[in-house]
């Protein structure tokens, strides 16, 4: 009886994996068409640039921004973040 149950369990796991894979494709397609596509369409219609074409202050055309490093002191060292 136990070997038969093991075979059934292994067959069920294989079938469940195929079902979940198909379900994943369907859910991701729904998320794309319901959430991402309308946002992209609206941004395109209002001609809003999410990322600017070129930075104006940097002549090299880089998006790099210098980060201000806070001073090292005991107060900052005692905090984790």
PDB file of N, CA and C in Angstrom:
ATOM      1  N   UNK A   1       0.814  -1.195   0.000  1.00  0.00           N
ATOM      2  CA  UNK A   1       0.000   0.000   0.000  1.00  0.00           C
ATOM      3  C   UNK A   1       0.864   1.268   0.000  1.00  0.00           C
ATOM      4  N   UNK A   2       1.967   1.252   0.776  1.00  0.00           N
ATOM      5  CA  UNK A   2       2.834   2.415   0.871  1.00  0.00           C
ATOM      6  C   UNK A   2       3.496   2.767  -0.473  1.00  0.00           C
ATOM      7  N   UNK A   3       4.026   1.794  -1.233  1.00  0.00           N
ATOM      8  CA  UNK A   3       4.616   2.157  -2.535  1.00  0.00           C
ATOM      9  C   UNK A   3       3.590   2.775  -3.497  1.00  0.00           C
ATOM     10  N   UNK A   4       2.359   2.299  -3.447  1.00  0.00           N
ATOM     11  CA  UNK A   4       1.313   2.869  -4.301  1.00  0.00           C
ATOM     12  C   UNK A   4       1.037   4.319  -3.905  1.00  0.00           C
ATOM     13  N   UNK A   5       0.979   4.590  -2.617  1.00  0.00           N
ATOM     14  CA  UNK A   5       0.729   5.953  -2.143  1.00  0.00           C
ATOM     15  C   UNK A   5       1.882   6.891  -2.520  1.00  0.00           C
ATOM     16  N   UNK A   6       3.113   6.360  -2.475  1.00  0.00           N
ATOM     17  CA  UNK A   6       4.262   7.181  -2.863  1.00  0.00           C
ATOM     18  C   UNK A   6       4.190   7.549  -4.339  1.00  0.00           C
ATOM     19  N   UNK A   7       3.810   6.585  -5.177  1.00  0.00           N
ATOM     20  CA  UNK A   7       3.687   6.868  -6.607  1.00  0.00           C
ATOM     21  C   UNK A   7       2.583   7.891  -6.870  1.00  0.00           C
ATOM     22  N   UNK A   8       1.479   7.756  -6.168  1.00  0.00           N
ATOM     23  CA  UNK A   8       0.385   8.710  -6.328  1.00  0.00           C
ATOM     24  C   UNK A   8       0.832  10.106  -5.884  1.00  0.00           C
ATOM     25  N   UNK A   9       1.546  10.171  -4.752  1.00  0.00           N
ATOM     26  CA  UNK A   9       2.018  11.449  -4.243  1.00  0.00           C
ATOM     27  C   UNK A   9       2.990  12.106  -5.214  1.00  0.00           C
ATOM     28  N   UNK A  10       3.918  11.332  -5.774  1.00  0.00           N
ATOM     29  CA  UNK A  10       4.876  11.891  -6.742  1.00  0.00           C
ATOM     30  C   UNK A  10       4.167  12.366  -8.006  1.00  0.00           C
ATOM     31  N   UNK A  11       3.178  11.615  -8.463  1.00  0.00           N
ATOM     32  CA  UNK A  11       2.418  12.029  -9.648  1.00  0.00           C
ATOM     33  C   UNK A  11       1.653  13.323  -9.360  1.00  0.00           C
ATOM     34  N   UNK A  12       1.066  13.406  -8.171  1.00  0.00           N
ATOM     35  CA  UNK A  12       0.328  14.606  -7.805  1.00  0.00           C
ATOM     36  C   UNK A  12       1.261  15.818  -7.731  1.00  0.00           C
ATOM     37  N   UNK A  13       2.475  15.656  -7.185  1.00  0.00           N
ATOM     38  CA  UNK A  13       3.418  16.769  -7.111  1.00  0.00           C
ATOM     39  C   UNK A  13       3.798  17.257  -8.506  1.00  0.00           C
ATOM     40  N   UNK A  14       3.998  16.342  -9.440  1.00  0.00           N
ATOM     41  CA  UNK A  14       4.323  16.743 -10.807  1.00  0.00           C
ATOM     42  C   UNK A  14       3.175  17.493 -11.459  1.00  0.00           C
ATOM     43  N   UNK A  15       1.952  16.996 -11.262  1.00  0.00           N
ATOM     44  CA  UNK A  15       0.777  17.671 -11.819  1.00  0.00           C
ATOM     45  C   UNK A  15       0.586  19.041 -11.171  1.00  0.00           C
ATOM     46  N   UNK A  16       0.757  19.114  -9.856  1.00  0.00           N
ATOM     47  CA  UNK A  16       0.601  20.392  -9.152  1.00  0.00           C
ATOM     48  C   UNK A  16       1.634  21.404  -9.631  1.00  0.00           C
ATOM     49  N   UNK A  17       2.842  20.968  -9.909  1.00  0.00           N
ATOM     50  CA  UNK A  17       3.873  21.874 -10.409  1.00  0.00           C
ATOM     51  C   UNK A  17       3.474  22.449 -11.767  1.00  0.00           C
ATOM     52  N   UNK A  18       2.942  21.618 -12.646  1.00  0.00           N
ATOM     53  CA  UNK A  18       2.505  22.111 -13.957  1.00  0.00           C
ATOM     54  C   UNK A  18       1.320  23.069 -13.824  1.00  0.00           C
ATOM     55  N   UNK A  19       0.413  22.777 -12.908  1.00  0.00           N
ATOM     56  CA  UNK A  19      -0.738  23.661 -12.689  1.00  0.00           C
ATOM     57  C   UNK A  19      -0.270  25.020 -12.170  1.00  0.00           C
ATOM     58  N   UNK A  20       0.654  25.018 -11.214  1.00  0.00           N
ATOM     59  CA  UNK A  20       1.149  26.265 -10.635  1.00  0.00           C
ATOM     60  C   UNK A  20       1.908  27.083 -11.676  1.00  0.00           C
ATOM     61  N   UNK A  21       2.656  26.413 -12.543  1.00  0.00           N
ATOM     62  CA  UNK A  21       3.376  27.127 -13.597  1.00  0.00           C
ATOM     63  C   UNK A  21       2.397  27.829 -14.532  1.00  0.00           C
ATOM     64  N   UNK A  22       1.350  27.143 -14.949  1.00  0.00           N
ATOM     65  CA  UNK A  22       0.346  27.756 -15.818  1.00  0.00           C
ATOM     66  C   UNK A  22      -0.366  28.896 -15.094  1.00  0.00           C
ATOM     67  N   UNK A  23      -0.691  28.693 -13.833  1.00  0.00           N
ATOM     68  CA  UNK A  23      -1.362  29.727 -13.043  1.00  0.00           C
ATOM     69  C   UNK A  23      -0.478  30.962 -12.917  1.00  0.00           C
ATOM     70  N   UNK A  24       0.818  30.775 -12.774  1.00  0.00           N
ATOM     71  CA  UNK A  24       1.744  31.897 -12.665  1.00  0.00           C
ATOM     72  C   UNK A  24       1.734  32.744 -13.930  1.00  0.00           C
ATOM     73  N   UNK A  25       1.754  32.116 -15.098  1.00  0.00           N
ATOM     74  CA  UNK A  25       1.709  32.867 -16.352  1.00  0.00           C
ATOM     75  C   UNK A  25       0.411  33.668 -16.461  1.00  0.00           C
ATOM     76  N   UNK A  26      -0.691  33.071 -16.070  1.00  0.00           N
ATOM     77  CA  UNK A  26      -1.982  33.760 -16.152  1.00  0.00           C
ATOM     78  C   UNK A  26      -2.015  34.943 -15.183  1.00  0.00           C
ATOM     79  N   UNK A  27      -1.590  34.741 -13.945  1.00  0.00           N
ATOM     80  CA  UNK A  27      -1.622  35.822 -12.959  1.00  0.00           C
ATOM     81  C   UNK A  27      -0.680  36.964 -13.340  1.00  0.00           C
ATOM     82  N   UNK A  28       0.504  36.649 -13.847  1.00  0.00           N
ATOM     83  CA  UNK A  28       1.429  37.709 -14.243  1.00  0.00           C
ATOM     84  C   UNK A  28       0.887  38.495 -15.443  1.00  0.00           C
ATOM     85  N   UNK A  29       0.208  37.827 -16.355  1.00  0.00           N
ATOM     86  CA  UNK A  29      -0.404  38.528 -17.489  1.00  0.00           C
ATOM     87  C   UNK A  29      -1.512  39.455 -17.003  1.00  0.00           C
ATOM     88  N   UNK A  30      -2.306  38.996 -16.052  1.00  0.00           N
ATOM     89  CA  UNK A  30      -3.374  39.835 -15.503  1.00  0.00           C
ATOM     90  C   UNK A  30      -2.780  41.053 -14.803  1.00  0.00           C
ATOM     91  N   UNK A  31      -1.749  40.846 -14.002  1.00  0.00           N
ATOM     92  CA  UNK A  31      -1.104  41.968 -13.312  1.00  0.00           C
ATOM     93  C   UNK A  31      -0.555  42.957 -14.325  1.00  0.00           C
ATOM     94  N   UNK A  32       0.058  42.469 -15.391  1.00  0.00           N
ATOM     95  CA  UNK A  32       0.614  43.370 -16.399  1.00  0.00           C
ATOM     96  C   UNK A  32      -0.485  44.205 -17.043  1.00  0.00           C
ATOM     97  N   UNK A  33      -1.540  43.558 -17.507  1.00  0.00           N
ATOM     98  CA  UNK A  33      -2.574  44.270 -18.250  1.00  0.00           C
ATOM     99  C   UNK A  33      -3.471  45.121 -17.359  1.00  0.00           C
ATOM    100  N   UNK A  34      -3.592  44.792 -16.080  1.00  0.00           N
ATOM    101  CA  UNK A  34      -4.460  45.569 -15.191  1.00  0.00           C
ATOM    102  C   UNK A  34      -3.683  46.694 -14.503  1.00  0.00           C
ATOM    103  N   UNK A  35      -2.433  46.474 -14.171  1.00  0.00           N
ATOM    104  CA  UNK A  35      -1.690  47.469 -13.399  1.00  0.00           C
ATOM    105  C   UNK A  35      -0.675  48.247 -14.236  1.00  0.00           C
ATOM    106  N   UNK A  36       0.176  47.567 -14.957  1.00  0.00           N
ATOM    107  CA  UNK A  36       1.276  48.255 -15.630  1.00  0.00           C
ATOM    108  C   UNK A  36       0.879  48.915 -16.946  1.00  0.00           C
ATOM    109  N   UNK A  37       0.112  48.233 -17.756  1.00  0.00           N
ATOM    110  CA  UNK A  37      -0.235  48.777 -19.072  1.00  0.00           C
ATOM    111  C   UNK A  37      -1.035  50.076 -18.978  1.00  0.00           C
ATOM    112  N   UNK A  38      -2.056  50.192 -18.121  1.00  0.00           N
ATOM    113  CA  UNK A  38      -2.772  51.477 -18.034  1.00  0.00           C
ATOM    114  C   UNK A  38      -1.893  52.635 -17.550  1.00  0.00           C
ATOM    115  N   UNK A  39      -1.009  52.366 -16.611  1.00  0.00           N
ATOM    116  CA  UNK A  39      -0.112  53.415 -16.128  1.00  0.00           C
ATOM    117  C   UNK A  39       0.807  53.872 -17.259  1.00  0.00           C
ATOM    118  N   UNK A  40       1.357  52.940 -17.992  1.00  0.00           N
ATOM    119  CA  UNK A  40       2.234  53.296 -19.113  1.00  0.00           C
ATOM    120  C   UNK A  40       1.466  54.068 -20.178  1.00  0.00           C
ATOM    121  N   UNK A  41       0.228  53.673 -20.434  1.00  0.00           N
ATOM    122  CA  UNK A  41      -0.590  54.366 -21.436  1.00  0.00           C
ATOM    123  C   UNK A  41      -0.881  55.805 -21.003  1.00  0.00           C
ATOM    124  N   UNK A  42      -1.241  55.991 -19.741  1.00  0.00           N
ATOM    125  CA  UNK A  42      -1.522  57.337 -19.237  1.00  0.00           C
ATOM    126  C   UNK A  42      -0.264  58.200 -19.300  1.00  0.00           C
ATOM    127  N   UNK A  43       0.878  57.661 -18.884  1.00  0.00           N
ATOM    128  CA  UNK A  43       2.114  58.436 -18.939  1.00  0.00           C
ATOM    129  C   UNK A  43       2.478  58.804 -20.372  1.00  0.00           C
ATOM    130  N   UNK A  44       2.220  57.898 -21.304  1.00  0.00           N
ATOM    131  CA  UNK A  44       2.517  58.191 -22.703  1.00  0.00           C
ATOM    132  C   UNK A  44       1.565  59.249 -23.253  1.00  0.00           C
ATOM    133  N   UNK A  45       0.302  59.199 -22.843  1.00  0.00           N
ATOM    134  CA  UNK A  45      -0.672  60.173 -23.340  1.00  0.00           C
ATOM    135  C   UNK A  45      -0.395  61.579 -22.814  1.00  0.00           C
ATOM    136  N   UNK A  46       0.041  61.689 -21.571  1.00  0.00           N
ATOM    137  CA  UNK A  46       0.343  63.016 -21.026  1.00  0.00           C
ATOM    138  C   UNK A  46       1.785  63.415 -21.297  1.00  0.00           C
ATOM    139  N   UNK A  47       2.515  62.573 -21.989  1.00  0.00           N
ATOM    140  CA  UNK A  47       3.910  62.817 -22.371  1.00  0.00           C
ATOM    141  C   UNK A  47       4.783  63.124 -21.157  1.00  0.00           C
ATOM    142  N   UNK A  48       4.604  62.345 -20.114  1.00  0.00           N
ATOM    143  CA  UNK A  48       5.401  62.509 -18.900  1.00  0.00           C
ATOM    144  C   UNK A  48       6.621  61.608 -18.988  1.00  0.00           C
ATOM    145  N   UNK A  49       7.811  62.209 -18.784  1.00  0.00           N
ATOM    146  CA  UNK A  49       9.037  61.423 -18.799  1.00  0.00           C
ATOM    147  C   UNK A  49       9.327  60.931 -17.393  1.00  0.00           C
ATOM    148  N   UNK A  50       9.377  59.631 -17.217  1.00  0.00           N
ATOM    149  CA  UNK A  50       9.675  59.066 -15.910  1.00  0.00           C
ATOM    150  C   UNK A  50      11.144  59.286 -15.575  1.00  0.00           C
ATOM    151  N   UNK A  51      12.008  59.063 -16.547  1.00  0.00           N
ATOM    152  CA  UNK A  51      13.441  59.327 -16.393  1.00  0.00           C
ATOM    153  C   UNK A  51      13.782  60.463 -17.342  1.00  0.00           C
ATOM    154  N   UNK A  52      14.373  61.527 -16.836  1.00  0.00           N
ATOM    155  CA  UNK A  52      14.697  62.646 -17.727  1.00  0.00           C
ATOM    156  C   UNK A  52      15.660  62.223 -18.834  1.00  0.00           C
ATOM    157  N   UNK A  53      15.564  62.898 -19.960  1.00  0.00           N
ATOM    158  CA  UNK A  53      16.365  62.530 -21.123  1.00  0.00           C
ATOM    159  C   UNK A  53      17.852  62.686 -20.855  1.00  0.00           C
ATOM    160  N   UNK A  54      18.258  63.813 -20.291  1.00  0.00           N
ATOM    161  CA  UNK A  54      19.676  64.034 -19.987  1.00  0.00           C
ATOM    162  C   UNK A  54      19.765  65.034 -18.838  1.00  0.00           C
ATOM    163  N   UNK A  55      20.634  64.781 -17.915  1.00  0.00           N
ATOM    164  CA  UNK A  55      20.806  65.754 -16.827  1.00  0.00           C
ATOM    165  C   UNK A  55      21.377  67.055 -17.361  1.00  0.00           C
ATOM    166  N   UNK A  56      20.867  68.157 -16.853  1.00  0.00           N
ATOM    167  CA  UNK A  56      21.298  69.460 -17.388  1.00  0.00           C
ATOM    168  C   UNK A  56      22.548  69.988 -16.709  1.00  0.00           C
ATOM    169  N   UNK A  57      22.761  69.661 -15.441  1.00  0.00           N
ATOM    170  CA  UNK A  57      23.911  70.231 -14.748  1.00  0.00           C
ATOM    171  C   UNK A  57      25.201  69.453 -14.988  1.00  0.00           C
ATOM    172  N   UNK A  58      25.136  68.221 -15.461  1.00  0.00           N
ATOM    173  CA  UNK A  58      26.339  67.420 -15.680  1.00  0.00           C
ATOM    174  C   UNK A  58      26.660  67.390 -17.172  1.00  0.00           C
ATOM    175  N   UNK A  59      27.782  67.960 -17.585  1.00  0.00           N
ATOM    176  CA  UNK A  59      28.106  67.992 -19.018  1.00  0.00           C
ATOM    177  C   UNK A  59      28.398  66.610 -19.609  1.00  0.00           C
ATOM    178  N   UNK A  60      28.722  65.633 -18.770  1.00  0.00           N
ATOM    179  CA  UNK A  60      29.030  64.303 -19.287  1.00  0.00           C
ATOM    180  C   UNK A  60      27.774  63.482 -19.553  1.00  0.00           C
ATOM    181  N   UNK A  61      26.627  63.963 -19.119  1.00  0.00           N
ATOM    182  CA  UNK A  61      25.386  63.246 -19.359  1.00  0.00           C
ATOM    183  C   UNK A  61      25.163  62.088 -18.401  1.00  0.00           C
ATOM    184  N   UNK A  62      25.735  62.150 -17.231  1.00  0.00           N
ATOM    185  CA  UNK A  62      25.606  61.074 -16.268  1.00  0.00           C
ATOM    186  C   UNK A  62      24.462  61.361 -15.307  1.00  0.00           C
ATOM    187  N   UNK A  63      23.839  60.305 -14.795  1.00  0.00           N
ATOM    188  CA  UNK A  63      22.782  60.451 -13.801  1.00  0.00           C
ATOM    189  C   UNK A  63      23.339  60.330 -12.384  1.00  0.00           C
ATOM    190  N   UNK A  64      24.630  60.277 -12.232  1.00  0.00           N
ATOM    191  CA  UNK A  64      25.253  60.107 -10.929  1.00  0.00           C
ATOM    192  C   UNK A  64      25.024  61.355 -10.093  1.00  0.00           C
ATOM    193  N   UNK A  65      24.640  61.149  -8.826  1.00  0.00           N
ATOM    194  CA  UNK A  65      24.462  62.261  -7.901  1.00  0.00           C
ATOM    195  C   UNK A  65      25.367  62.031  -6.701  1.00  0.00           C
ATOM    196  N   UNK A  66      26.068  63.062  -6.314  1.00  0.00           N
ATOM    197  CA  UNK A  66      26.950  62.951  -5.168  1.00  0.00           C
ATOM    198  C   UNK A  66      26.109  62.845  -3.903  1.00  0.00           C
ATOM    199  N   UNK A  67      26.488  61.970  -3.019  1.00  0.00           N
ATOM    200  CA  UNK A  67      25.776  61.766  -1.769  1.00  0.00           C
ATOM    201  C   UNK A  67      26.524  62.471  -0.649  1.00  0.00           C
ATOM    202  N   UNK A  68      25.762  63.192   0.180  1.00  0.00           N
ATOM    203  CA  UNK A  68      26.374  63.870   1.314  1.00  0.00           C
ATOM    204  C   UNK A  68      26.559  62.853   2.429  1.00  0.00           C
ATOM    205  N   UNK A  69      27.789  62.688   2.854  1.00  0.00           N
ATOM    206  CA  UNK A  69      28.105  61.732   3.912  1.00  0.00           C
ATOM    207  C   UNK A  69      28.027  62.455   5.249  1.00  0.00           C
ATOM    208  N   UNK A  70      27.182  61.982   6.169  1.00  0.00           N
ATOM    209  CA  UNK A  70      27.109  62.654   7.471  1.00  0.00           C
ATOM    210  C   UNK A  70      28.396  62.439   8.256  1.00  0.00           C
ATOM    211  N   UNK A  71      28.707  63.347   9.169  1.00  0.00           N
ATOM    212  CA  UNK A  71      29.950  63.209   9.938  1.00  0.00           C
ATOM    213  C   UNK A  71      29.917  61.969  10.828  1.00  0.00           C
ATOM    214  N   UNK A  72      31.079  61.396  11.031  1.00  0.00           N
ATOM    215  CA  UNK A  72      31.179  60.224  11.891  1.00  0.00           C
ATOM    216  C   UNK A  72      31.293  60.684  13.339  1.00  0.00           C
ATOM    217  N   UNK A  73      30.346  60.274  14.154  1.00  0.00           N
ATOM    218  CA  UNK A  73      30.389  60.612  15.567  1.00  0.00           C
ATOM    219  C   UNK A  73      29.790  59.450  16.359  1.00  0.00           C
ATOM    220  N   UNK A  74      29.825  59.537  17.650  1.00  0.00           N
ATOM    221  CA  UNK A  74      29.340  58.444  18.508  1.00  0.00           C
ATOM    222  C   UNK A  74      27.829  58.264  18.390  1.00  0.00           C
ATOM    223  N   UNK A  75      27.107  59.350  18.170  1.00  0.00           N
ATOM    224  CA  UNK A  75      25.651  59.263  18.028  1.00  0.00           C
ATOM    225  C   UNK A  75      25.288  58.414  16.809  1.00  0.00           C
ATOM    226  N   UNK A  76      25.967  58.672  15.702  1.00  0.00           N
ATOM    227  CA  UNK A  76      25.694  57.917  14.476  1.00  0.00           C
ATOM    228  C   UNK A  76      26.179  56.474  14.602  1.00  0.00           C
ATOM    229  N   UNK A  77      27.275  56.267  15.295  1.00  0.00           N
ATOM    230  CA  UNK A  77      27.838  54.925  15.445  1.00  0.00           C
ATOM    231  C   UNK A  77      26.940  54.036  16.305  1.00  0.00           C
ATOM    232  N   UNK A  78      26.153  54.627  17.185  1.00  0.00           N
ATOM    233  CA  UNK A  78      25.295  53.827  18.066  1.00  0.00           C
ATOM    234  C   UNK A  78      24.016  53.382  17.363  1.00  0.00           C
ATOM    235  N   UNK A  79      23.682  54.023  16.226  1.00  0.00           N
ATOM    236  CA  UNK A  79      22.489  53.632  15.473  1.00  0.00           C
ATOM    237  C   UNK A  79      22.857  52.616  14.397  1.00  0.00           C
ATOM    238  N   UNK A  80      21.966  51.663  14.172  1.00  0.00           N
ATOM    239  CA  UNK A  80      22.264  50.643  13.177  1.00  0.00           C
ATOM    240  C   UNK A  80      22.136  51.212  11.762  1.00  0.00           C
ATOM    241  N   UNK A  81      21.107  52.036  11.525  1.00  0.00           N
ATOM    242  CA  UNK A  81      20.874  52.566  10.182  1.00  0.00           C
ATOM    243  C   UNK A  81      20.892  54.072  10.202  1.00  0.00           C
TER     244      UNK A  81
END
